[in-house]
Every structure is written in structure tokens, then in C-alpha cells.
Amino acid sequence: IPARLEAAGVQFSDCAKGHVAAKPKAGDATLFYSYHPNGTMDTASMHTGCPVIKGIKWAAPIWIHVDEFNPPLTRPAKQSMAASNPGVQPSEGRLPGAEQRGDGVAGRQVVG
């Protein structure tokens, strides 16, 4: 808990103060068990990250899915994305289902 660590001289950003926080060292890893053994979601595992103040933040998430992760599309992404997002233009000549937003970021709509 940051209050105890701050008392020991460890400094945290304003974002981390008053919350559960870690001051990692190179090679450290964090694991979040987001489901209970019975398969229900553990909402206490919900978390966020604070902005980097100094240095570089590296992340290599590995996701283990309990249920089907990528259900089949019920209709082409081109139809579903463009219909509900005026800034999205269907992509022609790109990967099937890929679309291009007006800001140049590619996206894909999964409807299920």
C-alpha cells in the first residue's frame, strides 16, 4: 500500500497515491486472476495503469480466455462499422473486414 511505502521513502505519482500500487524493477511481472475458480468474473481484479512520468513502460499482455473470444461475424464489418460510425469509410483492397477510420487508424467491428 503506497502510504506505508511512502513512509519508508518510496515515492509514487499523484495517480498512484492512495491506491494499491507497485514500483516495479526490471524483470518484474504482474498477474491478475480475473475469474474465480467457478468461472465467474472477479470484479476486484479490475485495474488500470498510471501514465509514465519517467522512463519507459513496457507491457506484454497475455490473455487466457475462458469462453470463445472471437465469435464469427454475423455480418461483414464493412456494413456494421460504416452504418454506425459516420467517420468510418469501408476499406477497399485491404484485408477482408478491415476498415479505415477518418483519422487513419484501422479498425474491425465484431458483432455477436
C-alpha atoms as a PDB file:
ATOM      1  CA  ILE A   1       0.000   0.000   0.000  1.00  0.00           C
ATOM      2  CA  PRO A   2       1.561   3.320  -1.050  1.00  0.00           C
ATOM      3  CA  ALA A   3       1.029   5.091   2.313  1.00  0.00           C
ATOM      4  CA  ARG A   4       3.235   2.526   4.053  1.00  0.00           C
ATOM      5  CA  LEU A   5       5.833   2.624   1.289  1.00  0.00           C
ATOM      6  CA  GLU A   6       5.788   6.433   1.185  1.00  0.00           C
ATOM      7  CA  ALA A   7       6.574   6.400   4.910  1.00  0.00           C
ATOM      8  CA  ALA A   8       9.618   4.291   4.009  1.00  0.00           C
ATOM      9  CA  GLY A   9      10.719   6.927   1.469  1.00  0.00           C
ATOM     10  CA  VAL A  10       9.355   5.336  -1.724  1.00  0.00           C
ATOM     11  CA  GLN A  11       7.787   7.976  -3.984  1.00  0.00           C
ATOM     12  CA  PHE A  12       4.690   7.455  -6.116  1.00  0.00           C
ATOM     13  CA  SER A  13       2.996   9.618  -8.744  1.00  0.00           C
ATOM     14  CA  ASP A  14      -0.148  11.581  -7.883  1.00  0.00           C
ATOM     15  CA  CYS A  15      -2.106   8.967  -9.858  1.00  0.00           C
ATOM     16  CA  ALA A  16      -0.850   6.110  -7.664  1.00  0.00           C
ATOM     17  CA  LYS A  17      -1.101   7.824  -4.280  1.00  0.00           C
ATOM     18  CA  GLY A  18      -3.858   6.410  -2.118  1.00  0.00           C
ATOM     19  CA  HIS A  19      -4.291   3.294  -4.278  1.00  0.00           C
ATOM     20  CA  VAL A  20      -2.698  -0.115  -4.448  1.00  0.00           C
ATOM     21  CA  ALA A  21       0.460   0.470  -6.448  1.00  0.00           C
ATOM     22  CA  ALA A  22       3.713  -1.209  -7.370  1.00  0.00           C
ATOM     23  CA  LYS A  23       7.108   0.242  -8.137  1.00  0.00           C
ATOM     24  CA  PRO A  24       8.474  -2.449 -10.468  1.00  0.00           C
ATOM     25  CA  LYS A  25      12.070  -3.327 -11.176  1.00  0.00           C
ATOM     26  CA  ALA A  26      13.363  -4.690 -14.482  1.00  0.00           C
ATOM     27  CA  GLY A  27      12.187  -8.273 -14.896  1.00  0.00           C
ATOM     28  CA  ASP A  28       9.126  -7.934 -12.623  1.00  0.00           C
ATOM     29  CA  ALA A  29       5.768  -9.286 -13.771  1.00  0.00           C
ATOM     30  CA  THR A  30       2.193  -8.884 -12.573  1.00  0.00           C
ATOM     31  CA  LEU A  31      -0.535 -11.486 -12.892  1.00  0.00           C
ATOM     32  CA  PHE A  32      -4.231 -10.736 -12.428  1.00  0.00           C
ATOM     33  CA  TYR A  33      -6.560 -13.657 -11.799  1.00  0.00           C
ATOM     34  CA  SER A  34      -9.708 -12.104 -13.223  1.00  0.00           C
ATOM     35  CA  TYR A  35     -12.003 -15.102 -12.731  1.00  0.00           C
ATOM     36  CA  HIS A  36     -12.979 -17.139  -9.701  1.00  0.00           C
ATOM     37  CA  PRO A  37     -12.441 -20.926  -9.899  1.00  0.00           C
ATOM     38  CA  ASN A  38     -16.181 -21.324 -10.650  1.00  0.00           C
ATOM     39  CA  GLY A  39     -15.793 -19.228 -13.849  1.00  0.00           C
ATOM     40  CA  THR A  40     -17.453 -16.032 -12.621  1.00  0.00           C
ATOM     41  CA  MET A  41     -15.636 -12.738 -13.103  1.00  0.00           C
ATOM     42  CA  ASP A  42     -13.759 -11.349 -10.098  1.00  0.00           C
ATOM     43  CA  THR A  43     -14.571  -7.641 -10.244  1.00  0.00           C
ATOM     44  CA  ALA A  44     -11.930  -6.984  -7.567  1.00  0.00           C
ATOM     45  CA  SER A  45      -9.314  -7.709 -10.252  1.00  0.00           C
ATOM     46  CA  MET A  46     -10.324  -4.657 -12.300  1.00  0.00           C
ATOM     47  CA  HIS A  47      -7.317  -2.365 -12.620  1.00  0.00           C
ATOM     48  CA  THR A  48      -5.791   0.470 -14.574  1.00  0.00           C
ATOM     49  CA  GLY A  49      -2.348   1.885 -15.174  1.00  0.00           C
ATOM     50  CA  CYS A  50      -0.985   5.312 -14.348  1.00  0.00           C
ATOM     51  CA  PRO A  51       0.766   7.410 -17.005  1.00  0.00           C
ATOM     52  CA  VAL A  52       4.538   7.083 -17.197  1.00  0.00           C
ATOM     53  CA  ILE A  53       6.246  10.068 -15.564  1.00  0.00           C
ATOM     54  CA  LYS A  54       9.853   8.995 -16.054  1.00  0.00           C
ATOM     55  CA  GLY A  55      11.314   6.251 -18.204  1.00  0.00           C
ATOM     56  CA  ILE A  56       9.524   3.777 -20.437  1.00  0.00           C
ATOM     57  CA  LYS A  57       6.661   1.447 -19.589  1.00  0.00           C
ATOM     58  CA  TRP A  58       6.804  -1.931 -21.274  1.00  0.00           C
ATOM     59  CA  ALA A  59       3.820  -4.253 -21.370  1.00  0.00           C
ATOM     60  CA  ALA A  60       3.420  -7.722 -22.835  1.00  0.00           C
ATOM     61  CA  PRO A  61      -0.121  -8.822 -22.017  1.00  0.00           C
ATOM     62  CA  ILE A  62      -1.047 -12.449 -22.418  1.00  0.00           C
ATOM     63  CA  TRP A  63      -4.767 -13.189 -22.419  1.00  0.00           C
ATOM     64  CA  ILE A  64      -6.229 -16.554 -21.482  1.00  0.00           C
ATOM     65  CA  HIS A  65      -9.901 -16.736 -22.429  1.00  0.00           C
ATOM     66  CA  VAL A  66     -12.456 -18.853 -20.594  1.00  0.00           C
ATOM     67  CA  ASP A  67     -15.096 -18.585 -23.328  1.00  0.00           C
ATOM     68  CA  GLU A  68     -14.909 -18.222 -27.099  1.00  0.00           C
ATOM     69  CA  PHE A  69     -13.023 -14.973 -27.732  1.00  0.00           C
ATOM     70  CA  ASN A  70     -13.532 -14.245 -31.406  1.00  0.00           C
ATOM     71  CA  PRO A  71     -17.077 -15.296 -32.326  1.00  0.00           C
ATOM     72  CA  PRO A  72     -17.849 -15.392 -36.045  1.00  0.00           C
ATOM     73  CA  LEU A  73     -19.083 -12.151 -37.555  1.00  0.00           C
ATOM     74  CA  THR A  74     -22.822 -12.053 -38.164  1.00  0.00           C
ATOM     75  CA  ARG A  75     -22.354  -9.532 -40.979  1.00  0.00           C
ATOM     76  CA  PRO A  76     -19.314  -8.005 -42.676  1.00  0.00           C
ATOM     77  CA  ALA A  77     -17.527  -5.383 -40.611  1.00  0.00           C
ATOM     78  CA  LYS A  78     -17.830  -3.054 -43.601  1.00  0.00           C
ATOM     79  CA  GLN A  79     -21.621  -2.920 -43.141  1.00  0.00           C
ATOM     80  CA  SER A  80     -21.776  -2.743 -39.349  1.00  0.00           C
ATOM     81  CA  MET A  81     -18.975  -0.194 -38.762  1.00  0.00           C
ATOM     82  CA  ALA A  82     -19.811   2.188 -41.589  1.00  0.00           C
ATOM     83  CA  ALA A  83     -23.517   2.182 -40.740  1.00  0.00           C
ATOM     84  CA  SER A  84     -22.991   3.231 -37.130  1.00  0.00           C
ATOM     85  CA  ASN A  85     -19.878   5.439 -37.453  1.00  0.00           C
ATOM     86  CA  PRO A  86     -20.014   8.315 -39.956  1.00  0.00           C
ATOM     87  CA  GLY A  87     -16.220   8.855 -39.758  1.00  0.00           C
ATOM     88  CA  VAL A  88     -15.514   5.305 -40.960  1.00  0.00           C
ATOM     89  CA  GLN A  89     -15.127   4.521 -44.636  1.00  0.00           C
ATOM     90  CA  PRO A  90     -15.153   0.921 -45.854  1.00  0.00           C
ATOM     91  CA  SER A  91     -11.696  -0.166 -46.952  1.00  0.00           C
ATOM     92  CA  GLU A  92     -11.272  -1.353 -50.489  1.00  0.00           C
ATOM     93  CA  GLY A  93      -8.339  -3.573 -51.372  1.00  0.00           C
ATOM     94  CA  ARG A  94      -7.320  -4.212 -47.763  1.00  0.00           C
ATOM     95  CA  LEU A  95      -7.774  -7.279 -45.605  1.00  0.00           C
ATOM     96  CA  PRO A  96     -11.348  -8.617 -45.577  1.00  0.00           C
ATOM     97  CA  GLY A  97     -13.313  -6.918 -42.822  1.00  0.00           C
ATOM     98  CA  ALA A  98     -10.711  -4.209 -42.228  1.00  0.00           C
ATOM     99  CA  GLU A  99     -11.869  -0.630 -42.292  1.00  0.00           C
ATOM    100  CA  GLN A 100     -10.138   2.721 -42.213  1.00  0.00           C
ATOM    101  CA  ARG A 101     -11.288   5.468 -39.866  1.00  0.00           C
ATOM    102  CA  GLY A 102     -11.023   9.082 -40.928  1.00  0.00           C
ATOM    103  CA  ASP A 103      -8.027   9.522 -38.615  1.00  0.00           C
ATOM    104  CA  GLY A 104      -6.058   6.783 -40.395  1.00  0.00           C
ATOM    105  CA  VAL A 105      -6.428   4.122 -37.686  1.00  0.00           C
ATOM    106  CA  ALA A 106      -7.560   0.707 -38.895  1.00  0.00           C
ATOM    107  CA  GLY A 107     -10.410  -0.961 -37.050  1.00  0.00           C
ATOM    108  CA  ARG A 108     -12.639  -4.003 -37.172  1.00  0.00           C
ATOM    109  CA  GLN A 109     -16.153  -4.411 -35.833  1.00  0.00           C
ATOM    110  CA  VAL A 110     -17.105  -7.738 -34.256  1.00  0.00           C
ATOM    111  CA  VAL A 111     -20.845  -8.167 -33.894  1.00  0.00           C
ATOM    112  CA  GLY A 112     -22.068 -11.045 -31.818  1.00  0.00           C
END
